[in-house]
Amino acid sequence: MVFSKKLVDWYKVNKRDLPWRDISNAYRIWISEIILQQTKVSQGLPYYLKFIDTFPKVADLANANLDNVMKIWQGLGYYSRARNMHTTAKIIVNDYNGEFPNDYTQILALPGIGPYTAAAISSFAFNLPHAVVDGNVVRVLSRVFGLNLDFNSKIGKEKFYELADKCLIKNNPSLYNSAIMDFGSIQCLYKSPNCYNCPMQDFCFAFNKNLINKLPKKSKKVKKKIKFINFLVVDFNDRVAVLKKNSGIWKDMYEFPSIETKKEVDLDSLTNSDNWDSIFKYRDFDILNVSKSYTHQLTHQKIIAKFWHISSKSDLKKNLDFVKKSNLNSLPMSRLMEKFLESNYLK
């Protein structure tokens, strides 16, 4: 196919020099692919290097304490990725004798691995003929071939996977997959693609029909939910109360106890709520300070948070851990918590 040949020719000149490229180490390829889900290469690269340095082999990750794994992941978001990596490492050690499975179906069955990641590992590590299909690939294929379908629809998925498989160089899937991933990241950008210096220009449907800004077809945007969270930074006996989340987007991360409200509230509304009484045994506390509002954007929700610094003269009702302020930075916390601590508010 002309497209595939031109793609590979472009790649040989423009390929990015990345530490997980041109290797067959399935463990390292897997780490890189999980980190790069929802993450730009520039942001993910230092995390990859730190991960490989800390956990050089799959057994090192499997045997690690989950808190340590989450701490290294801190700041990347989508924390279920780190939990799934830890679980998958244990499965590989226990069920596959520490060797990454070399079968696409077995790889796909591992926690946290979807079709794209399974195809990437299969092709890069084992040279199996599976085409990668992600946002970058969909954009390239949609524009070049004029595929005006929403990838998130059933028919859209079928057609894009079918086209990707036709384009795949079956005897060198690793080369083709690397090429189309880089082409989408460097050349055929979402905004301002480099169309006037593109090897696909002569036969690119979107370029020749002036539809670059119309393809790929966009999914309907989901309106973000707004959450108002009041974090209670409670000092008691020179320590600060924290809890480890057991559910939600920040599961297995530490944070201050909190009260969610329907809007931003004042002190009276907060302290007179039932949720407040579920945390404090007695009303012998002082409000030391209230932070500014922090806005934290997530994929499907926006969080508006305030941190209430409180001195409590008695123990709390909730089962909480109390840690020294100086030890807070050693705990795995969300980026929102991190931003608050970086403000030196507690010093």
C-alpha atoms as a PDB file:
ATOM      1  CA  MET A   1       0.000   0.000   0.000  1.00  0.00           C
ATOM      2  CA  VAL A   2       1.349   3.433  -1.012  1.00  0.00           C
ATOM      3  CA  PHE A   3       0.227   4.986   2.274  1.00  0.00           C
ATOM      4  CA  SER A   4       2.158   2.474   4.385  1.00  0.00           C
ATOM      5  CA  LYS A   5       5.329   2.824   2.298  1.00  0.00           C
ATOM      6  CA  LYS A   6       5.266   6.623   2.466  1.00  0.00           C
ATOM      7  CA  LEU A   7       4.557   6.426   6.188  1.00  0.00           C
ATOM      8  CA  VAL A   8       7.609   4.244   6.831  1.00  0.00           C
ATOM      9  CA  ASP A   9       9.808   6.428   4.593  1.00  0.00           C
ATOM     10  CA  TRP A  10       8.713   9.481   6.579  1.00  0.00           C
ATOM     11  CA  TYR A  11       9.380   7.685   9.861  1.00  0.00           C
ATOM     12  CA  LYS A  12      12.930   6.717   8.947  1.00  0.00           C
ATOM     13  CA  VAL A  13      13.751  10.415   8.598  1.00  0.00           C
ATOM     14  CA  ASN A  14      11.628  11.834  11.443  1.00  0.00           C
ATOM     15  CA  LYS A  15      11.435   9.119  14.120  1.00  0.00           C
ATOM     16  CA  ARG A  16      11.703  10.171  17.751  1.00  0.00           C
ATOM     17  CA  ASP A  17      14.542   8.802  19.825  1.00  0.00           C
ATOM     18  CA  LEU A  18      12.761   7.240  22.798  1.00  0.00           C
ATOM     19  CA  PRO A  19      14.156   4.768  25.360  1.00  0.00           C
ATOM     20  CA  TRP A  20      11.392   2.197  24.769  1.00  0.00           C
ATOM     21  CA  ARG A  21      11.942   2.177  21.011  1.00  0.00           C
ATOM     22  CA  ASP A  22      13.785  -0.566  19.130  1.00  0.00           C
ATOM     23  CA  ILE A  23      13.738  -2.919  22.111  1.00  0.00           C
ATOM     24  CA  SER A  24      11.925  -6.220  22.588  1.00  0.00           C
ATOM     25  CA  ASN A  25      11.659  -6.063  26.388  1.00  0.00           C
ATOM     26  CA  ALA A  26       7.923  -6.593  26.878  1.00  0.00           C
ATOM     27  CA  TYR A  27       8.013  -5.356  30.477  1.00  0.00           C
ATOM     28  CA  ARG A  28       9.559  -2.009  29.543  1.00  0.00           C
ATOM     29  CA  ILE A  29       7.322  -1.616  26.513  1.00  0.00           C
ATOM     30  CA  TRP A  30       4.300  -2.295  28.739  1.00  0.00           C
ATOM     31  CA  ILE A  31       5.431   0.295  31.306  1.00  0.00           C
ATOM     32  CA  SER A  32       5.873   2.911  28.580  1.00  0.00           C
ATOM     33  CA  GLU A  33       2.493   2.198  27.005  1.00  0.00           C
ATOM     34  CA  ILE A  34       0.598   2.397  30.300  1.00  0.00           C
ATOM     35  CA  ILE A  35       2.319   5.659  31.233  1.00  0.00           C
ATOM     36  CA  LEU A  36       1.577   7.164  27.811  1.00  0.00           C
ATOM     37  CA  GLN A  37      -2.150   6.450  28.076  1.00  0.00           C
ATOM     38  CA  GLN A  38      -3.722   9.917  28.452  1.00  0.00           C
ATOM     39  CA  THR A  39      -0.217  11.396  28.875  1.00  0.00           C
ATOM     40  CA  LYS A  40       2.078  13.317  26.516  1.00  0.00           C
ATOM     41  CA  VAL A  41       5.534  11.868  25.855  1.00  0.00           C
ATOM     42  CA  SER A  42       7.245  14.945  27.332  1.00  0.00           C
ATOM     43  CA  GLN A  43       5.377  14.456  30.611  1.00  0.00           C
ATOM     44  CA  GLY A  44       5.583  10.674  30.652  1.00  0.00           C
ATOM     45  CA  LEU A  45       9.285  10.254  29.859  1.00  0.00           C
ATOM     46  CA  PRO A  46      10.652  11.182  33.326  1.00  0.00           C
ATOM     47  CA  TYR A  47       8.053   8.907  34.951  1.00  0.00           C
ATOM     48  CA  TYR A  48       9.110   6.035  32.707  1.00  0.00           C
ATOM     49  CA  LEU A  49      12.779   6.514  33.580  1.00  0.00           C
ATOM     50  CA  LYS A  50      11.984   6.677  37.299  1.00  0.00           C
ATOM     51  CA  PHE A  51       9.762   3.590  37.098  1.00  0.00           C
ATOM     52  CA  ILE A  52      12.404   1.536  35.301  1.00  0.00           C
ATOM     53  CA  ASP A  53      15.083   2.728  37.697  1.00  0.00           C
ATOM     54  CA  THR A  54      12.966   1.829  40.752  1.00  0.00           C
ATOM     55  CA  PHE A  55      11.428  -1.363  39.359  1.00  0.00           C
ATOM     56  CA  PRO A  56      13.878  -2.673  36.713  1.00  0.00           C
ATOM     57  CA  LYS A  57      12.125  -6.050  36.437  1.00  0.00           C
ATOM     58  CA  VAL A  58       8.526  -7.171  36.646  1.00  0.00           C
ATOM     59  CA  ALA A  59       9.258  -9.024  39.900  1.00  0.00           C
ATOM     60  CA  ASP A  60      10.461  -5.763  41.472  1.00  0.00           C
ATOM     61  CA  LEU A  61       7.130  -4.134  40.670  1.00  0.00           C
ATOM     62  CA  ALA A  62       5.140  -7.174  41.817  1.00  0.00           C
ATOM     63  CA  ASN A  63       6.926  -7.251  45.174  1.00  0.00           C
ATOM     64  CA  ALA A  64       6.728  -3.499  45.775  1.00  0.00           C
ATOM     65  CA  ASN A  65       4.468  -1.894  48.346  1.00  0.00           C
ATOM     66  CA  LEU A  66       1.458  -0.341  46.604  1.00  0.00           C
ATOM     67  CA  ASP A  67       2.031   2.959  48.423  1.00  0.00           C
ATOM     68  CA  ASN A  68       5.494   3.163  46.844  1.00  0.00           C
ATOM     69  CA  VAL A  69       4.061   2.490  43.393  1.00  0.00           C
ATOM     70  CA  MET A  70       1.368   5.143  43.859  1.00  0.00           C
ATOM     71  CA  LYS A  71       3.918   7.651  45.154  1.00  0.00           C
ATOM     72  CA  ILE A  72       6.082   7.287  42.046  1.00  0.00           C
ATOM     73  CA  TRP A  73       2.952   7.635  39.907  1.00  0.00           C
ATOM     74  CA  GLN A  74       1.880  10.782  41.774  1.00  0.00           C
ATOM     75  CA  GLY A  75       1.085  13.656  39.422  1.00  0.00           C
ATOM     76  CA  LEU A  76       0.264  11.544  36.352  1.00  0.00           C
ATOM     77  CA  GLY A  77      -3.434  11.166  37.145  1.00  0.00           C
ATOM     78  CA  TYR A  78      -5.697   8.267  36.170  1.00  0.00           C
ATOM     79  CA  TYR A  79      -4.372   6.404  39.203  1.00  0.00           C
ATOM     80  CA  SER A  80      -6.143   3.172  38.353  1.00  0.00           C
ATOM     81  CA  ARG A  81      -3.359   2.704  35.802  1.00  0.00           C
ATOM     82  CA  ALA A  82      -0.801   2.340  38.593  1.00  0.00           C
ATOM     83  CA  ARG A  83      -3.012  -0.016  40.606  1.00  0.00           C
ATOM     84  CA  ASN A  84      -3.603  -2.180  37.543  1.00  0.00           C
ATOM     85  CA  MET A  85       0.116  -2.255  36.774  1.00  0.00           C
ATOM     86  CA  HIS A  86       0.833  -3.519  40.264  1.00  0.00           C
ATOM     87  CA  THR A  87      -1.874  -6.187  39.953  1.00  0.00           C
ATOM     88  CA  THR A  88      -0.715  -7.227  36.486  1.00  0.00           C
ATOM     89  CA  ALA A  89       2.894  -7.523  37.633  1.00  0.00           C
ATOM     90  CA  LYS A  90       1.763  -9.960  40.330  1.00  0.00           C
ATOM     91  CA  ILE A  91      -0.188 -12.002  37.766  1.00  0.00           C
ATOM     92  CA  ILE A  92       2.827 -12.196  35.446  1.00  0.00           C
ATOM     93  CA  VAL A  93       5.055 -13.353  38.300  1.00  0.00           C
ATOM     94  CA  ASN A  94       2.558 -15.846  39.736  1.00  0.00           C
ATOM     95  CA  ASP A  95       0.855 -17.174  36.588  1.00  0.00           C
ATOM     96  CA  TYR A  96       3.514 -16.761  33.905  1.00  0.00           C
ATOM     97  CA  ASN A  97       6.672 -17.456  35.895  1.00  0.00           C
ATOM     98  CA  GLY A  98       7.776 -13.830  35.582  1.00  0.00           C
ATOM     99  CA  GLU A  99       7.686 -13.848  31.770  1.00  0.00           C
ATOM    100  CA  PHE A 100       5.335 -11.542  29.888  1.00  0.00           C
ATOM    101  CA  PRO A 101       2.837 -13.633  27.857  1.00  0.00           C
ATOM    102  CA  ASN A 102       3.564 -13.568  24.121  1.00  0.00           C
ATOM    103  CA  ASP A 103      -0.008 -14.129  22.977  1.00  0.00           C
ATOM    104  CA  TYR A 104      -2.297 -11.187  22.094  1.00  0.00           C
ATOM    105  CA  THR A 105      -5.366 -12.691  23.786  1.00  0.00           C
ATOM    106  CA  GLN A 106      -3.475 -13.422  27.000  1.00  0.00           C
ATOM    107  CA  ILE A 107      -1.975  -9.924  27.006  1.00  0.00           C
ATOM    108  CA  LEU A 108      -5.419  -8.374  26.437  1.00  0.00           C
ATOM    109  CA  ALA A 109      -6.800 -10.290  29.435  1.00  0.00           C
ATOM    110  CA  LEU A 110      -4.377  -8.617  31.855  1.00  0.00           C
ATOM    111  CA  PRO A 111      -5.800  -5.819  34.069  1.00  0.00           C
ATOM    112  CA  GLY A 112      -5.454  -2.334  32.621  1.00  0.00           C
ATOM    113  CA  ILE A 113      -4.613  -3.518  29.105  1.00  0.00           C
ATOM    114  CA  GLY A 114      -7.015  -2.725  26.278  1.00  0.00           C
ATOM    115  CA  PRO A 115      -6.824  -3.455  22.536  1.00  0.00           C
ATOM    116  CA  TYR A 116      -4.418  -0.596  21.787  1.00  0.00           C
ATOM    117  CA  THR A 117      -1.914  -1.503  24.507  1.00  0.00           C
ATOM    118  CA  ALA A 118      -2.177  -5.216  23.718  1.00  0.00           C
ATOM    119  CA  ALA A 119      -1.464  -4.487  20.041  1.00  0.00           C
ATOM    120  CA  ALA A 120       1.499  -2.286  20.940  1.00  0.00           C
ATOM    121  CA  ILE A 121       3.078  -4.894  23.236  1.00  0.00           C
ATOM    122  CA  SER A 122       2.343  -7.721  20.785  1.00  0.00           C
ATOM    123  CA  SER A 123       3.926  -5.943  17.833  1.00  0.00           C
ATOM    124  CA  PHE A 124       6.864  -4.220  19.542  1.00  0.00           C
ATOM    125  CA  ALA A 125       7.929  -7.079  21.807  1.00  0.00           C
ATOM    126  CA  PHE A 126       6.906 -10.156  19.794  1.00  0.00           C
ATOM    127  CA  ASN A 127       6.496  -8.886  16.205  1.00  0.00           C
ATOM    128  CA  LEU A 128       2.890 -10.108  16.113  1.00  0.00           C
ATOM    129  CA  PRO A 129       0.734  -8.566  13.334  1.00  0.00           C
ATOM    130  CA  HIS A 130      -1.650  -6.397  15.352  1.00  0.00           C
ATOM    131  CA  ALA A 131      -2.297  -2.776  14.349  1.00  0.00           C
ATOM    132  CA  VAL A 132      -2.458  -0.094  17.029  1.00  0.00           C
ATOM    133  CA  VAL A 133      -5.519   2.146  16.987  1.00  0.00           C
ATOM    134  CA  ASP A 134      -5.651   5.191  19.261  1.00  0.00           C
ATOM    135  CA  GLY A 135      -6.583   8.857  18.897  1.00  0.00           C
ATOM    136  CA  ASN A 136      -3.524   9.687  16.805  1.00  0.00           C
ATOM    137  CA  VAL A 137      -4.062   6.718  14.491  1.00  0.00           C
ATOM    138  CA  VAL A 138      -7.778   7.480  14.099  1.00  0.00           C
ATOM    139  CA  ARG A 139      -6.943  11.069  13.153  1.00  0.00           C
ATOM    140  CA  VAL A 140      -4.426  10.006  10.488  1.00  0.00           C
ATOM    141  CA  LEU A 141      -6.624   7.303   8.967  1.00  0.00           C
ATOM    142  CA  SER A 142      -9.745   9.463   9.055  1.00  0.00           C
ATOM    143  CA  ARG A 143      -8.062  12.341   7.237  1.00  0.00           C
ATOM    144  CA  VAL A 144      -6.065  10.353   4.688  1.00  0.00           C
ATOM    145  CA  PHE A 145      -8.858   7.937   3.748  1.00  0.00           C
ATOM    146  CA  GLY A 146     -11.877  10.168   4.437  1.00  0.00           C
ATOM    147  CA  LEU A 147     -13.410   7.924   7.078  1.00  0.00           C
ATOM    148  CA  ASN A 148     -16.114  10.190   8.519  1.00  0.00           C
ATOM    149  CA  LEU A 149     -17.215   8.051  11.457  1.00  0.00           C
ATOM    150  CA  ASP A 150     -17.213   8.541  15.205  1.00  0.00           C
ATOM    151  CA  PHE A 151     -14.601   6.106  16.499  1.00  0.00           C
ATOM    152  CA  ASN A 152     -16.592   5.635  19.705  1.00  0.00           C
ATOM    153  CA  SER A 153     -19.559   4.209  17.801  1.00  0.00           C
ATOM    154  CA  LYS A 154     -19.796   0.472  17.128  1.00  0.00           C
ATOM    155  CA  ILE A 155     -19.560   0.862  13.355  1.00  0.00           C
ATOM    156  CA  GLY A 156     -16.765   3.413  13.757  1.00  0.00           C
ATOM    157  CA  LYS A 157     -14.636   1.019  15.779  1.00  0.00           C
ATOM    158  CA  GLU A 158     -15.217  -1.786  13.275  1.00  0.00           C
ATOM    159  CA  LYS A 159     -14.262   0.329  10.258  1.00  0.00           C
ATOM    160  CA  PHE A 160     -11.179   1.913  11.826  1.00  0.00           C
ATOM    161  CA  TYR A 161      -9.826  -1.443  13.020  1.00  0.00           C
ATOM    162  CA  GLU A 162     -10.542  -2.941   9.603  1.00  0.00           C
ATOM    163  CA  LEU A 163      -8.684  -0.109   7.834  1.00  0.00           C
ATOM    164  CA  ALA A 164      -5.791  -0.192  10.308  1.00  0.00           C
ATOM    165  CA  ASP A 165      -5.381  -3.913   9.680  1.00  0.00           C
ATOM    166  CA  LYS A 166      -5.304  -3.337   5.896  1.00  0.00           C
ATOM    167  CA  CYS A 167      -2.581  -0.701   6.285  1.00  0.00           C
ATOM    168  CA  LEU A 168      -0.463  -2.800   8.656  1.00  0.00           C
ATOM    169  CA  ILE A 169       2.816  -4.138   7.269  1.00  0.00           C
ATOM    170  CA  LYS A 170       2.303  -7.721   8.389  1.00  0.00           C
ATOM    171  CA  ASN A 171       5.961  -8.781   8.225  1.00  0.00           C
ATOM    172  CA  ASN A 172       7.108  -5.711  10.180  1.00  0.00           C
ATOM    173  CA  PRO A 173       4.232  -4.560  12.408  1.00  0.00           C
ATOM    174  CA  SER A 174       6.571  -2.901  14.895  1.00  0.00           C
ATOM    175  CA  LEU A 175       7.942  -0.560  12.234  1.00  0.00           C
ATOM    176  CA  TYR A 176       4.513   0.345  10.885  1.00  0.00           C
ATOM    177  CA  ASN A 177       2.969   0.919  14.321  1.00  0.00           C
ATOM    178  CA  SER A 178       5.872   3.112  15.437  1.00  0.00           C
ATOM    179  CA  ALA A 179       5.611   5.080  12.207  1.00  0.00           C
ATOM    180  CA  ILE A 180       1.897   5.847  12.397  1.00  0.00           C
ATOM    181  CA  MET A 181       2.123   6.737  16.096  1.00  0.00           C
ATOM    182  CA  ASP A 182       4.898   9.256  15.417  1.00  0.00           C
ATOM    183  CA  PHE A 183       3.191  10.579  12.294  1.00  0.00           C
ATOM    184  CA  GLY A 184       0.087  11.397  14.313  1.00  0.00           C
ATOM    185  CA  SER A 185       2.133  12.950  17.120  1.00  0.00           C
ATOM    186  CA  ILE A 186       4.462  15.054  14.955  1.00  0.00           C
ATOM    187  CA  GLN A 187       2.980  15.598  11.488  1.00  0.00           C
ATOM    188  CA  CYS A 188      -0.783  15.085  11.427  1.00  0.00           C
ATOM    189  CA  LEU A 189      -1.540  17.081  14.555  1.00  0.00           C
ATOM    190  CA  TYR A 190      -5.020  17.706  15.913  1.00  0.00           C
ATOM    191  CA  LYS A 191      -4.499  21.445  15.513  1.00  0.00           C
ATOM    192  CA  SER A 192      -2.289  22.989  12.820  1.00  0.00           C
ATOM    193  CA  PRO A 193      -1.156  19.804  11.041  1.00  0.00           C
ATOM    194  CA  ASN A 194       1.841  20.253   8.748  1.00  0.00           C
ATOM    195  CA  CYS A 195      -0.144  19.601   5.562  1.00  0.00           C
ATOM    196  CA  TYR A 196       2.079  21.582   3.202  1.00  0.00           C
ATOM    197  CA  ASN A 197       5.096  19.428   3.977  1.00  0.00           C
ATOM    198  CA  CYS A 198       3.336  16.066   4.105  1.00  0.00           C
ATOM    199  CA  PRO A 199       4.099  12.941   2.061  1.00  0.00           C
ATOM    200  CA  MET A 200       0.379  12.077   1.986  1.00  0.00           C
ATOM    201  CA  GLN A 201      -0.654  15.399   0.443  1.00  0.00           C
ATOM    202  CA  ASP A 202      -1.368  14.065  -3.073  1.00  0.00           C
ATOM    203  CA  PHE A 203      -3.936  11.515  -1.922  1.00  0.00           C
ATOM    204  CA  CYS A 204      -5.050  12.814   1.490  1.00  0.00           C
ATOM    205  CA  PHE A 205      -8.848  13.044   1.365  1.00  0.00           C
ATOM    206  CA  ALA A 206      -9.145  15.731   4.041  1.00  0.00           C
ATOM    207  CA  PHE A 207      -6.432  17.946   2.530  1.00  0.00           C
ATOM    208  CA  ASN A 208      -7.797  17.769  -1.003  1.00  0.00           C
ATOM    209  CA  LYS A 209     -11.404  18.291   0.118  1.00  0.00           C
ATOM    210  CA  ASN A 210     -10.465  21.053   2.582  1.00  0.00           C
ATOM    211  CA  LEU A 211     -11.826  19.006   5.494  1.00  0.00           C
ATOM    212  CA  ILE A 212      -8.783  18.979   7.772  1.00  0.00           C
ATOM    213  CA  ASN A 213     -10.717  20.716  10.559  1.00  0.00           C
ATOM    214  CA  LYS A 214     -13.748  18.455  10.098  1.00  0.00           C
ATOM    215  CA  LEU A 215     -12.009  15.089  10.393  1.00  0.00           C
ATOM    216  CA  PRO A 216     -11.951  12.967  12.403  1.00  0.00           C
ATOM    217  CA  LYS A 217     -15.616  13.188  13.331  1.00  0.00           C
ATOM    218  CA  LYS A 218     -15.853  14.392  16.896  1.00  0.00           C
ATOM    219  CA  SER A 219     -17.803  12.664  19.635  1.00  0.00           C
ATOM    220  CA  LYS A 220     -20.387  14.694  21.501  1.00  0.00           C
ATOM    221  CA  LYS A 221     -18.789  16.456  24.430  1.00  0.00           C
ATOM    222  CA  VAL A 222     -19.949  15.340  27.834  1.00  0.00           C
ATOM    223  CA  LYS A 223     -20.765  18.245  30.105  1.00  0.00           C
ATOM    224  CA  LYS A 224     -18.423  18.265  33.068  1.00  0.00           C
ATOM    225  CA  LYS A 225     -19.898  17.776  36.502  1.00  0.00           C
ATOM    226  CA  ILE A 226     -18.768  20.329  39.099  1.00  0.00           C
ATOM    227  CA  LYS A 227     -17.915  19.072  42.581  1.00  0.00           C
ATOM    228  CA  PHE A 228     -17.299  21.288  45.600  1.00  0.00           C
ATOM    229  CA  ILE A 229     -15.011  19.669  48.157  1.00  0.00           C
ATOM    230  CA  ASN A 230     -13.992  21.072  51.529  1.00  0.00           C
ATOM    231  CA  PHE A 231     -10.826  19.419  52.812  1.00  0.00           C
ATOM    232  CA  LEU A 232     -10.380  19.563  56.581  1.00  0.00           C
ATOM    233  CA  VAL A 233      -6.730  19.932  57.519  1.00  0.00           C
ATOM    234  CA  VAL A 234      -7.074  18.963  61.175  1.00  0.00           C
ATOM    235  CA  ASP A 235      -4.205  19.510  63.611  1.00  0.00           C
ATOM    236  CA  PHE A 236      -4.342  17.313  66.702  1.00  0.00           C
ATOM    237  CA  ASN A 237      -1.406  16.753  69.060  1.00  0.00           C
ATOM    238  CA  ASP A 238       1.014  18.314  66.543  1.00  0.00           C
ATOM    239  CA  ARG A 239      -0.064  15.930  63.803  1.00  0.00           C
ATOM    240  CA  VAL A 240      -2.394  16.189  60.825  1.00  0.00           C
ATOM    241  CA  ALA A 241      -5.316  13.861  60.064  1.00  0.00           C
ATOM    242  CA  VAL A 242      -5.246  11.948  56.766  1.00  0.00           C
ATOM    243  CA  LEU A 243      -7.126   9.007  55.318  1.00  0.00           C
ATOM    244  CA  LYS A 244      -6.428   6.526  52.552  1.00  0.00           C
ATOM    245  CA  LYS A 245      -9.196   6.486  49.955  1.00  0.00           C
ATOM    246  CA  ASN A 246     -10.750   3.070  49.390  1.00  0.00           C
ATOM    247  CA  SER A 247     -12.806   3.993  46.322  1.00  0.00           C
ATOM    248  CA  GLY A 248     -13.203   6.594  43.605  1.00  0.00           C
ATOM    249  CA  ILE A 249     -10.712   8.226  41.266  1.00  0.00           C
ATOM    250  CA  TRP A 250      -8.163   8.660  44.059  1.00  0.00           C
ATOM    251  CA  LYS A 251      -8.424   5.163  45.478  1.00  0.00           C
ATOM    252  CA  ASP A 252      -5.273   4.160  47.421  1.00  0.00           C
ATOM    253  CA  MET A 253      -4.141   7.791  47.587  1.00  0.00           C
ATOM    254  CA  TYR A 254      -4.018   9.784  50.813  1.00  0.00           C
ATOM    255  CA  GLU A 255      -5.933  12.976  51.423  1.00  0.00           C
ATOM    256  CA  PHE A 256      -7.372  15.069  54.233  1.00  0.00           C
ATOM    257  CA  PRO A 257     -10.882  14.189  55.462  1.00  0.00           C
ATOM    258  CA  SER A 258     -13.412  16.086  53.395  1.00  0.00           C
ATOM    259  CA  ILE A 259     -16.997  17.225  53.092  1.00  0.00           C
ATOM    260  CA  GLU A 260     -18.622  17.540  49.685  1.00  0.00           C
ATOM    261  CA  THR A 261     -21.194  20.326  49.247  1.00  0.00           C
ATOM    262  CA  LYS A 262     -23.497  21.438  46.429  1.00  0.00           C
ATOM    263  CA  LYS A 263     -21.841  24.859  46.233  1.00  0.00           C
ATOM    264  CA  GLU A 264     -19.114  26.856  47.922  1.00  0.00           C
ATOM    265  CA  VAL A 265     -20.122  27.349  51.550  1.00  0.00           C
ATOM    266  CA  ASP A 266     -19.240  29.597  54.448  1.00  0.00           C
ATOM    267  CA  LEU A 267     -18.000  28.509  57.860  1.00  0.00           C
ATOM    268  CA  ASP A 268     -21.432  28.359  59.505  1.00  0.00           C
ATOM    269  CA  SER A 269     -22.925  26.176  56.779  1.00  0.00           C
ATOM    270  CA  LEU A 270     -19.978  23.817  56.900  1.00  0.00           C
ATOM    271  CA  THR A 271     -19.717  23.422  60.672  1.00  0.00           C
ATOM    272  CA  ASN A 272     -23.465  22.972  61.091  1.00  0.00           C
ATOM    273  CA  SER A 273     -23.729  20.170  58.549  1.00  0.00           C
ATOM    274  CA  ASP A 274     -24.346  16.537  59.504  1.00  0.00           C
ATOM    275  CA  ASN A 275     -21.119  15.565  57.753  1.00  0.00           C
ATOM    276  CA  TRP A 276     -19.168  17.836  60.062  1.00  0.00           C
ATOM    277  CA  ASP A 277     -20.637  16.109  63.102  1.00  0.00           C
ATOM    278  CA  SER A 278     -19.723  12.721  61.638  1.00  0.00           C
ATOM    279  CA  ILE A 279     -16.046  13.715  61.798  1.00  0.00           C
ATOM    280  CA  PHE A 280     -15.740  15.664  65.044  1.00  0.00           C
ATOM    281  CA  LYS A 281     -16.689  14.168  68.412  1.00  0.00           C
ATOM    282  CA  TYR A 282     -16.959  17.520  70.150  1.00  0.00           C
ATOM    283  CA  ARG A 283     -17.159  21.142  69.153  1.00  0.00           C
ATOM    284  CA  ASP A 284     -13.847  22.090  70.745  1.00  0.00           C
ATOM    285  CA  PHE A 285     -11.931  23.244  67.706  1.00  0.00           C
ATOM    286  CA  ASP A 286     -10.602  26.478  66.228  1.00  0.00           C
ATOM    287  CA  ILE A 287     -10.610  27.462  62.569  1.00  0.00           C
ATOM    288  CA  LEU A 288      -7.088  28.697  61.938  1.00  0.00           C
ATOM    289  CA  ASN A 289      -7.407  29.646  58.303  1.00  0.00           C
ATOM    290  CA  VAL A 290      -9.173  28.972  55.019  1.00  0.00           C
ATOM    291  CA  SER A 291      -7.291  28.578  51.754  1.00  0.00           C
ATOM    292  CA  LYS A 292      -8.123  30.132  48.424  1.00  0.00           C
ATOM    293  CA  SER A 293     -10.299  28.069  46.078  1.00  0.00           C
ATOM    294  CA  TYR A 294      -8.389  25.503  44.021  1.00  0.00           C
ATOM    295  CA  THR A 295      -9.825  24.500  40.647  1.00  0.00           C
ATOM    296  CA  HIS A 296      -8.781  21.040  39.488  1.00  0.00           C
ATOM    297  CA  GLN A 297      -9.803  19.883  36.014  1.00  0.00           C
ATOM    298  CA  LEU A 298     -10.383  16.191  35.344  1.00  0.00           C
ATOM    299  CA  THR A 299     -11.651  14.508  32.188  1.00  0.00           C
ATOM    300  CA  HIS A 300     -15.323  14.380  33.168  1.00  0.00           C
ATOM    301  CA  GLN A 301     -15.503  16.676  36.158  1.00  0.00           C
ATOM    302  CA  LYS A 302     -14.236  19.918  37.603  1.00  0.00           C
ATOM    303  CA  ILE A 303     -13.380  20.063  41.281  1.00  0.00           C
ATOM    304  CA  ILE A 304     -13.476  23.303  43.238  1.00  0.00           C
ATOM    305  CA  ALA A 305     -11.742  22.759  46.556  1.00  0.00           C
ATOM    306  CA  LYS A 306     -11.009  24.690  49.712  1.00  0.00           C
ATOM    307  CA  PHE A 307      -8.746  23.639  52.557  1.00  0.00           C
ATOM    308  CA  TRP A 308      -9.899  24.496  56.067  1.00  0.00           C
ATOM    309  CA  HIS A 309      -7.040  24.516  58.567  1.00  0.00           C
ATOM    310  CA  ILE A 310      -8.461  23.440  61.923  1.00  0.00           C
ATOM    311  CA  SER A 311      -6.992  22.937  65.360  1.00  0.00           C
ATOM    312  CA  SER A 312      -8.866  20.226  67.279  1.00  0.00           C
ATOM    313  CA  LYS A 313      -8.564  19.817  71.027  1.00  0.00           C
ATOM    314  CA  SER A 314     -10.011  16.305  71.022  1.00  0.00           C
ATOM    315  CA  ASP A 315      -9.788  13.129  68.960  1.00  0.00           C
ATOM    316  CA  LEU A 316     -12.017  12.658  65.926  1.00  0.00           C
ATOM    317  CA  LYS A 317     -14.861  10.197  65.307  1.00  0.00           C
ATOM    318  CA  LYS A 318     -13.571   8.919  61.994  1.00  0.00           C
ATOM    319  CA  ASN A 319     -10.873   6.279  61.811  1.00  0.00           C
ATOM    320  CA  LEU A 320      -8.028   8.455  60.568  1.00  0.00           C
ATOM    321  CA  ASP A 321      -4.254   8.349  60.540  1.00  0.00           C
ATOM    322  CA  PHE A 322      -2.316  11.195  62.100  1.00  0.00           C
ATOM    323  CA  VAL A 323       1.037  12.075  60.574  1.00  0.00           C
ATOM    324  CA  LYS A 324       3.642  14.744  61.105  1.00  0.00           C
ATOM    325  CA  LYS A 325       3.371  17.655  58.698  1.00  0.00           C
ATOM    326  CA  SER A 326       6.927  16.973  57.597  1.00  0.00           C
ATOM    327  CA  ASN A 327       5.883  13.466  56.501  1.00  0.00           C
ATOM    328  CA  LEU A 328       2.953  14.507  54.319  1.00  0.00           C
ATOM    329  CA  ASN A 329       5.123  14.742  51.211  1.00  0.00           C
ATOM    330  CA  SER A 330       6.164  11.106  51.583  1.00  0.00           C
ATOM    331  CA  LEU A 331       2.572   9.896  51.103  1.00  0.00           C
ATOM    332  CA  PRO A 332       1.070   9.218  47.665  1.00  0.00           C
ATOM    333  CA  MET A 333      -1.394  12.041  47.051  1.00  0.00           C
ATOM    334  CA  SER A 334      -3.359  13.436  44.133  1.00  0.00           C
ATOM    335  CA  ARG A 335      -2.091  16.420  42.191  1.00  0.00           C
ATOM    336  CA  LEU A 336      -4.732  18.536  43.931  1.00  0.00           C
ATOM    337  CA  MET A 337      -3.275  17.658  47.341  1.00  0.00           C
ATOM    338  CA  GLU A 338       0.200  18.240  45.960  1.00  0.00           C
ATOM    339  CA  LYS A 339      -0.693  21.745  44.761  1.00  0.00           C
ATOM    340  CA  PHE A 340      -1.996  22.623  48.200  1.00  0.00           C
ATOM    341  CA  LEU A 341       1.150  21.354  49.944  1.00  0.00           C
ATOM    342  CA  GLU A 342       3.354  23.197  47.444  1.00  0.00           C
ATOM    343  CA  SER A 343       1.745  26.454  48.559  1.00  0.00           C
ATOM    344  CA  ASN A 344       3.561  26.106  51.927  1.00  0.00           C
ATOM    345  CA  TYR A 345       0.207  26.847  53.498  1.00  0.00           C
ATOM    346  CA  LEU A 346       0.902  24.625  56.511  1.00  0.00           C
ATOM    347  CA  LYS A 347       4.333  26.066  57.308  1.00  0.00           C
END
